[in-house]
Amino acid sequence: MSQPLQLFRADAFVPTETQAQRLSIANDADPREADLSGIAVIELHFPKFSDGRAFSQAFLLRRRLGFTGQIRATGDVLIDQLVQMQRSGFSQAVLRADQNLAHGQALLAHYPAFYQGDAVRTAPHFVHA
């Protein structure tokens, strides 16, 4: 089983990695063009809730580029997006300050498994049974 999505609130979040270990990719940039050498954390930004291009970027990073470090969601991140973030390859989400961490964790716990594969667990659920 993959690691659960780590949740943080924007008003209390402090990165633990150095700036040299972190890469921020604009949501209109192609992650395949980024130099990932020495990068431990990639930040993908949601400029507004309805802009989901970072989901595609996370999927590309995990499935096509094989990135194994942290992928962090920043910006206008709401608990409504958390399940899809986890399935797309995100490992961390920095929630907008008005979002409730406990509600986000409860939402993630409500969906412990999915039948079809995703960016993190590529095989369908029945293969793991």
Protein backbone atom coordinates (compact mmCIF):
# COMPACT_ATOMS: atom_id res chain seq x y z
CA MET A 1 0.00 0.00 0.00
CA SER A 2 1.23 3.50 -0.80
CA GLN A 3 1.86 6.13 1.84
CA PRO A 4 -1.17 8.23 2.78
CA LEU A 5 -1.37 11.79 1.52
CA GLN A 6 0.21 14.13 4.07
CA LEU A 7 -1.91 17.17 4.86
CA PHE A 8 -0.78 20.59 6.05
CA ARG A 9 -2.47 23.98 6.46
CA ALA A 10 -1.00 26.86 4.50
CA ASP A 11 -0.95 29.19 7.50
CA ALA A 12 1.20 26.74 9.52
CA PHE A 13 3.27 24.98 6.85
CA VAL A 14 7.06 25.18 6.92
CA PRO A 15 9.01 23.11 4.35
CA THR A 16 11.63 20.79 5.83
CA GLU A 17 13.74 20.45 2.67
CA THR A 18 16.25 23.04 1.47
CA GLN A 19 15.45 25.38 -1.40
CA ALA A 20 18.00 23.48 -3.55
CA GLN A 21 16.07 20.24 -3.02
CA ARG A 22 12.73 21.79 -4.03
CA LEU A 23 11.47 22.60 -7.50
CA SER A 24 8.32 24.60 -8.19
CA ILE A 25 6.74 23.96 -11.57
CA ALA A 26 4.20 26.44 -12.94
CA ASN A 27 0.90 24.79 -13.81
CA ASP A 28 1.30 25.66 -17.50
CA ALA A 29 4.81 24.16 -17.76
CA ASP A 30 5.67 20.70 -19.09
CA PRO A 31 7.30 18.70 -16.25
CA ARG A 32 9.09 16.54 -18.85
CA GLU A 33 11.31 19.55 -19.59
CA ALA A 34 12.40 20.04 -15.96
CA ASP A 35 15.80 19.00 -14.63
CA LEU A 36 14.97 16.75 -11.68
CA SER A 37 18.59 16.08 -10.66
CA GLY A 38 18.95 16.38 -6.89
CA ILE A 39 15.29 17.31 -6.43
CA ALA A 40 13.50 15.73 -3.46
CA VAL A 41 10.26 17.76 -3.58
CA ILE A 42 8.30 19.12 -6.52
CA GLU A 43 5.66 21.75 -5.81
CA LEU A 44 2.74 21.90 -8.22
CA HIS A 45 0.54 24.97 -7.90
CA PHE A 46 -3.24 25.24 -8.12
CA PRO A 47 -3.84 28.95 -8.88
CA LYS A 48 -7.59 28.37 -8.40
CA PHE A 49 -9.70 25.41 -7.38
CA SER A 50 -11.14 24.88 -10.86
CA ASP A 51 -7.71 24.68 -12.58
CA GLY A 52 -6.69 21.02 -12.55
CA ARG A 53 -3.60 21.05 -14.77
CA ALA A 54 -1.42 20.10 -11.79
CA PHE A 55 -3.21 16.72 -11.67
CA SER A 56 -1.83 15.93 -15.14
CA GLN A 57 1.61 17.16 -14.14
CA ALA A 58 1.65 14.89 -11.07
CA PHE A 59 0.58 11.92 -13.19
CA LEU A 60 3.37 12.62 -15.71
CA LEU A 61 5.95 12.93 -12.95
CA ARG A 62 4.98 9.62 -11.34
CA ARG A 63 4.13 7.42 -14.31
CA ARG A 64 6.21 8.68 -17.22
CA LEU A 65 9.18 10.21 -15.45
CA GLY A 66 9.31 7.80 -12.50
CA PHE A 67 9.78 10.55 -9.93
CA THR A 68 9.83 8.97 -6.47
CA GLY A 69 10.21 12.07 -4.28
CA GLN A 70 7.51 14.18 -2.71
CA ILE A 71 4.96 15.90 -4.94
CA ARG A 72 3.34 18.75 -3.03
CA ALA A 73 0.12 20.56 -3.95
CA THR A 74 0.09 24.28 -3.14
CA GLY A 75 -2.23 27.19 -3.81
CA ASP A 76 -6.03 27.03 -3.80
CA VAL A 77 -6.11 23.47 -2.41
CA LEU A 78 -9.43 22.30 -0.93
CA ILE A 79 -10.31 19.04 0.78
CA ASP A 80 -12.63 18.25 -2.16
CA GLN A 81 -9.52 17.58 -4.29
CA LEU A 82 -7.64 15.27 -1.90
CA VAL A 83 -8.76 11.85 -3.15
CA GLN A 84 -7.94 12.75 -6.75
CA MET A 85 -4.61 14.24 -5.65
CA GLN A 86 -3.60 11.02 -3.93
CA ARG A 87 -4.63 8.94 -6.96
CA SER A 88 -2.76 11.27 -9.34
CA GLY A 89 0.54 10.90 -7.50
CA PHE A 90 0.62 13.74 -4.98
CA SER A 91 2.17 12.83 -1.63
CA GLN A 92 1.56 16.14 0.19
CA ALA A 93 -1.16 18.78 0.10
CA VAL A 94 -0.87 22.22 1.65
CA LEU A 95 -4.51 23.08 2.23
CA ARG A 96 -5.85 26.58 2.00
CA ALA A 97 -5.88 28.09 5.51
CA ASP A 98 -9.67 27.92 5.84
CA GLN A 99 -9.76 24.14 5.24
CA ASN A 100 -10.18 21.66 8.10
CA LEU A 101 -7.36 19.08 8.35
CA ALA A 102 -9.51 16.61 10.31
CA HIS A 103 -12.22 16.70 7.64
CA GLY A 104 -9.61 16.11 4.95
CA GLN A 105 -8.15 13.14 6.81
CA ALA A 106 -11.65 11.68 7.34
CA LEU A 107 -12.39 12.05 3.63
CA LEU A 108 -9.21 10.17 2.70
CA ALA A 109 -9.98 7.41 5.22
CA HIS A 110 -13.47 7.02 3.74
CA TYR A 111 -11.97 5.74 0.45
CA PRO A 112 -9.32 3.14 1.45
CA ALA A 113 -9.12 1.43 -1.97
CA PHE A 114 -10.27 1.71 -5.58
CA TYR A 115 -11.08 -1.01 -8.06
CA GLN A 116 -9.16 0.52 -10.97
CA GLY A 117 -5.45 1.37 -11.02
CA ASP A 118 -4.08 4.92 -10.78
CA ALA A 119 -0.77 6.79 -10.87
CA VAL A 120 0.44 5.25 -7.62
CA ARG A 121 -1.03 1.72 -7.76
CA THR A 122 -1.10 0.92 -11.45
CA ALA A 123 -2.62 -2.56 -11.25
CA PRO A 124 -6.38 -2.95 -10.75
CA HIS A 125 -7.56 -3.88 -7.26
CA PHE A 126 -8.50 -7.46 -8.22
CA VAL A 127 -4.84 -8.18 -9.06
CA HIS A 128 -3.88 -7.43 -5.41
CA ALA A 129 -6.59 -9.68 -3.96
